[in-house]
Amino acid sequence: MVFLPINIRKCHWYLSVINAKKREIQVLDSLGVGMGRSDLTMTLQGLDKHLKIACDMPEFKRGDRWQDLDIMNWTVVDKFQEPIQTDSASCGLFMLNCMEYWTGDILSDNFTQEDMKEFRRKLAVILLETELNKLKGSPIYYRTDNEENVSDNEENVSDSDVEFLEDRKRKRQDSHDGAEDKGPLRNPIMAVDPQDLVDELCNHIMSINDATSLE
């Protein structure tokens, strides 16, 4: 199977699955069958073009699982007839769950709109902790051109790039209500340790319920 995330006009994500065994284009759309599929058609046309180019390569091996490469003639099947998404902001989360649990026939695990609340927080942790995250544990890593005898594994953080969240919050509040200086800050987030800073930042972000403040 080939999993293709599809975006509709920069407003909605869904999953299309190229299932070679069944010769099907399987569509898993959290909003059901009400959305258009022109974006899928364009993606399939591009994939079909590249498959045809690949077939002309001498090193290309079709394999037993890809007997038919003419994907434009495969059947397109919508797997979700009814919406399972009830808000307007979770389509990407539903798509990732479909990629994880789709077996080619069924979902190996069920998930609902309510599950997306927890998965949204879980995904942030997954992205933060992955080994591919080169900024893990620090706001900014840098290495100057004139540094010598520094190993590739050493990671440095510039203190000038660290801002106390309480200070920023106070400035925003002062700007909003015209309040005067309230004196010393209380409990600023100190970068004692990169991981401690990340934990505090995550806690702070998850505590914000105002969309403008988050932006």
Protein backbone atom coordinates (compact mmCIF):
# COMPACT_ATOMS: atom_id res chain seq x y z
CA MET A 1 0.00 0.00 0.00
CA VAL A 2 1.04 3.57 -0.67
CA PHE A 3 -0.39 6.20 1.70
CA LEU A 4 -0.98 9.61 0.13
CA PRO A 5 -2.09 12.56 2.31
CA ILE A 6 -4.34 14.78 0.20
CA ASN A 7 -5.06 18.45 0.87
CA ILE A 8 -8.19 20.18 -0.45
CA ARG A 9 -7.67 23.88 -1.17
CA LYS A 10 -5.53 24.36 1.96
CA CYS A 11 -8.57 23.74 4.16
CA HIS A 12 -8.95 19.97 4.65
CA TRP A 13 -6.80 16.84 4.84
CA TYR A 14 -7.78 13.26 4.11
CA LEU A 15 -5.99 10.01 3.31
CA SER A 16 -5.93 8.13 0.04
CA VAL A 17 -4.47 4.64 -0.05
CA ILE A 18 -3.10 3.03 -3.21
CA ASN A 19 -3.98 -0.61 -2.48
CA ALA A 20 -2.19 -2.72 -5.10
CA LYS A 21 -3.52 -6.04 -3.82
CA LYS A 22 -7.14 -4.94 -4.26
CA ARG A 23 -6.47 -2.62 -7.22
CA GLU A 24 -8.35 0.10 -5.35
CA ILE A 25 -7.86 3.75 -4.49
CA GLN A 26 -9.22 3.75 -0.95
CA VAL A 27 -10.33 7.10 0.44
CA LEU A 28 -10.47 7.63 4.20
CA ASP A 29 -12.02 11.04 4.72
CA SER A 30 -13.09 12.04 8.23
CA LEU A 31 -15.83 14.23 6.71
CA GLY A 32 -17.36 11.35 4.77
CA VAL A 33 -18.30 11.51 1.11
CA GLY A 34 -19.36 15.15 0.86
CA MET A 35 -16.02 16.59 -0.28
CA GLY A 36 -14.82 16.90 -3.87
CA ARG A 37 -12.04 14.67 -5.18
CA SER A 38 -10.38 16.84 -7.85
CA ASP A 39 -7.21 17.04 -5.73
CA LEU A 40 -7.10 13.24 -5.59
CA THR A 41 -7.47 13.00 -9.37
CA MET A 42 -4.54 15.35 -9.94
CA THR A 43 -2.39 13.41 -7.45
CA LEU A 44 -3.21 10.10 -9.13
CA GLN A 45 -2.38 11.52 -12.54
CA GLY A 46 1.04 12.56 -11.25
CA LEU A 47 1.62 9.15 -9.64
CA ASP A 48 0.51 7.37 -12.81
CA LYS A 49 3.00 9.42 -14.83
CA HIS A 50 5.89 8.49 -12.54
CA LEU A 51 4.92 4.82 -12.51
CA LYS A 52 5.03 4.75 -16.30
CA ILE A 53 8.48 6.37 -16.25
CA ALA A 54 9.64 3.81 -13.68
CA CYS A 55 8.39 0.93 -15.85
CA ASP A 56 10.77 2.01 -18.60
CA MET A 57 13.78 1.77 -16.32
CA PRO A 58 15.87 -1.41 -16.82
CA GLU A 59 16.28 -1.91 -13.07
CA PHE A 60 12.53 -1.70 -12.42
CA LYS A 61 11.02 -4.81 -10.82
CA ARG A 62 7.26 -5.08 -10.74
CA GLY A 63 6.97 -7.72 -8.02
CA ASP A 64 4.09 -10.07 -7.29
CA ARG A 65 2.03 -7.48 -5.44
CA TRP A 66 1.87 -4.97 -8.30
CA GLN A 67 0.44 -6.91 -11.22
CA ASP A 68 -1.45 -3.87 -12.52
CA LEU A 69 0.15 -0.42 -12.56
CA ASP A 70 -2.59 1.34 -14.50
CA ILE A 71 -3.92 3.06 -11.37
CA MET A 72 -6.13 5.50 -13.29
CA ASN A 73 -8.42 2.58 -14.08
CA TRP A 74 -8.62 1.35 -10.49
CA THR A 75 -11.84 1.75 -8.52
CA VAL A 76 -12.04 4.69 -6.10
CA VAL A 77 -13.78 3.56 -2.89
CA ASP A 78 -14.88 5.86 -0.05
CA LYS A 79 -14.42 3.94 3.20
CA PHE A 80 -16.24 6.44 5.43
CA GLN A 81 -19.77 7.02 4.26
CA GLU A 82 -20.65 9.21 7.27
CA PRO A 83 -18.51 11.90 8.95
CA ILE A 84 -16.57 10.90 12.03
CA GLN A 85 -15.18 14.40 12.50
CA THR A 86 -17.46 16.91 14.23
CA ASP A 87 -15.23 20.00 14.44
CA SER A 88 -13.38 22.05 11.83
CA ALA A 89 -9.80 21.59 13.00
CA SER A 90 -9.05 17.88 13.48
CA CYS A 91 -8.85 16.55 9.93
CA GLY A 92 -5.06 16.21 10.03
CA LEU A 93 -5.24 14.27 13.29
CA PHE A 94 -7.85 11.90 11.87
CA MET A 95 -5.70 11.41 8.76
CA LEU A 96 -2.65 10.43 10.86
CA ASN A 97 -4.74 7.93 12.83
CA CYS A 98 -5.98 6.43 9.57
CA MET A 99 -2.40 6.06 8.36
CA GLU A 100 -1.47 4.27 11.57
CA TYR A 101 -4.43 1.91 11.84
CA TRP A 102 -5.58 1.16 8.27
CA THR A 103 -4.83 -2.47 7.35
CA GLY A 104 -6.07 -2.31 3.77
CA ASP A 105 -9.43 -3.74 4.78
CA ILE A 106 -10.41 -2.23 8.13
CA LEU A 107 -9.16 0.05 10.88
CA SER A 108 -7.31 -2.02 13.47
CA ASP A 109 -8.43 0.44 16.14
CA ASN A 110 -11.44 2.73 16.44
CA PHE A 111 -11.15 6.43 17.24
CA THR A 112 -13.64 9.27 17.65
CA GLN A 113 -13.68 13.04 17.83
CA GLU A 114 -13.24 12.83 21.59
CA ASP A 115 -10.00 10.86 21.12
CA MET A 116 -8.52 13.72 19.09
CA LYS A 117 -8.21 15.92 22.20
CA GLU A 118 -5.73 13.55 23.78
CA PHE A 119 -4.04 12.70 20.47
CA ARG A 120 -3.39 16.40 19.78
CA ARG A 121 -1.29 16.60 22.95
CA LYS A 122 0.28 13.20 22.31
CA LEU A 123 1.35 14.26 18.81
CA ALA A 124 3.15 17.32 20.18
CA VAL A 125 5.18 15.06 22.48
CA ILE A 126 5.91 12.59 19.66
CA LEU A 127 7.23 15.36 17.42
CA LEU A 128 9.27 16.85 20.23
CA GLU A 129 10.87 13.58 21.33
CA THR A 130 11.64 12.13 17.92
CA GLU A 131 15.32 11.65 17.08
CA LEU A 132 14.67 13.62 13.88
CA ASN A 133 13.95 16.76 15.91
CA LYS A 134 17.26 18.62 15.63
CA LEU A 135 16.04 21.35 17.99
CA LYS A 136 15.04 18.96 20.76
CA GLY A 137 15.65 20.40 24.20
CA SER A 138 16.44 23.95 23.17
CA PRO A 139 14.77 26.93 21.44
CA ILE A 140 17.70 27.45 19.08
CA TYR A 141 20.95 25.63 18.41
CA TYR A 142 23.69 27.41 16.58
CA ARG A 143 27.26 26.95 15.54
CA THR A 144 29.34 29.89 14.34
CA ASP A 145 31.61 29.61 11.34
CA ASN A 146 34.76 30.48 13.32
CA GLU A 147 34.24 27.81 15.97
CA GLU A 148 37.00 25.22 15.96
CA ASN A 149 37.45 21.91 17.72
CA VAL A 150 33.71 21.57 18.30
CA SER A 151 32.26 18.14 17.66
CA ASP A 152 29.15 17.68 15.53
CA ASN A 153 27.32 16.34 18.56
CA GLU A 154 27.79 19.48 20.64
CA GLU A 155 24.70 21.67 20.81
CA ASN A 156 24.77 25.29 21.96
CA VAL A 157 21.98 27.65 22.92
CA SER A 158 22.16 31.42 22.83
CA ASP A 159 20.93 33.07 26.03
CA SER A 160 19.79 36.07 24.00
CA ASP A 161 17.23 33.85 22.28
CA VAL A 162 15.58 32.80 25.55
CA GLU A 163 12.71 34.98 26.70
CA PHE A 164 10.91 34.77 30.02
CA LEU A 165 7.31 33.84 29.27
CA GLU A 166 6.04 35.72 32.32
CA ASP A 167 7.74 38.88 31.04
CA ARG A 168 6.12 38.49 27.64
CA LYS A 169 2.75 37.79 29.21
CA ARG A 170 3.03 40.89 31.40
CA LYS A 171 4.01 43.09 28.45
CA ARG A 172 0.98 41.86 26.52
CA GLN A 173 -1.29 42.56 29.48
CA ASP A 174 0.22 46.01 30.07
CA SER A 175 -0.28 46.87 26.41
CA HIS A 176 -3.88 45.73 26.61
CA ASP A 177 -5.05 47.61 29.70
CA GLY A 178 -2.50 50.41 29.91
CA ALA A 179 -1.34 49.25 33.31
CA GLU A 180 1.86 50.66 34.83
CA ASP A 181 4.94 48.66 35.70
CA LYS A 182 3.95 46.03 38.26
CA GLY A 183 7.45 45.52 39.61
CA PRO A 184 9.64 42.40 39.65
CA LEU A 185 8.48 39.29 37.87
CA ARG A 186 7.36 36.28 39.85
CA ASN A 187 8.37 32.73 39.00
CA PRO A 188 10.00 33.33 35.62
CA ILE A 189 10.85 30.23 33.61
CA MET A 190 14.56 29.70 33.99
CA ALA A 191 16.55 27.65 31.48
CA VAL A 192 18.30 25.59 34.14
CA ASP A 193 18.28 22.61 31.86
CA PRO A 194 17.10 22.38 28.23
CA GLN A 195 14.60 19.62 29.01
CA ASP A 196 13.19 21.59 31.96
CA LEU A 197 12.67 24.55 29.64
CA VAL A 198 10.84 22.38 27.12
CA ASP A 199 8.58 20.96 29.83
CA GLU A 200 7.72 24.42 31.11
CA LEU A 201 7.06 25.69 27.60
CA CYS A 202 4.72 22.76 26.87
CA ASN A 203 2.84 23.33 30.12
CA HIS A 204 2.52 27.03 29.36
CA ILE A 205 1.27 26.46 25.80
CA MET A 206 -1.31 23.90 26.92
CA SER A 207 -2.62 26.32 29.55
CA ILE A 208 -3.49 29.01 26.98
CA ASN A 209 -7.14 28.98 25.95
CA ASP A 210 -7.19 32.24 24.00
CA ALA A 211 -6.67 31.85 20.23
CA THR A 212 -5.10 35.34 19.85
CA SER A 213 -2.59 34.68 22.61
CA LEU A 214 -1.67 31.34 21.06
CA GLU A 215 -1.01 32.96 17.71
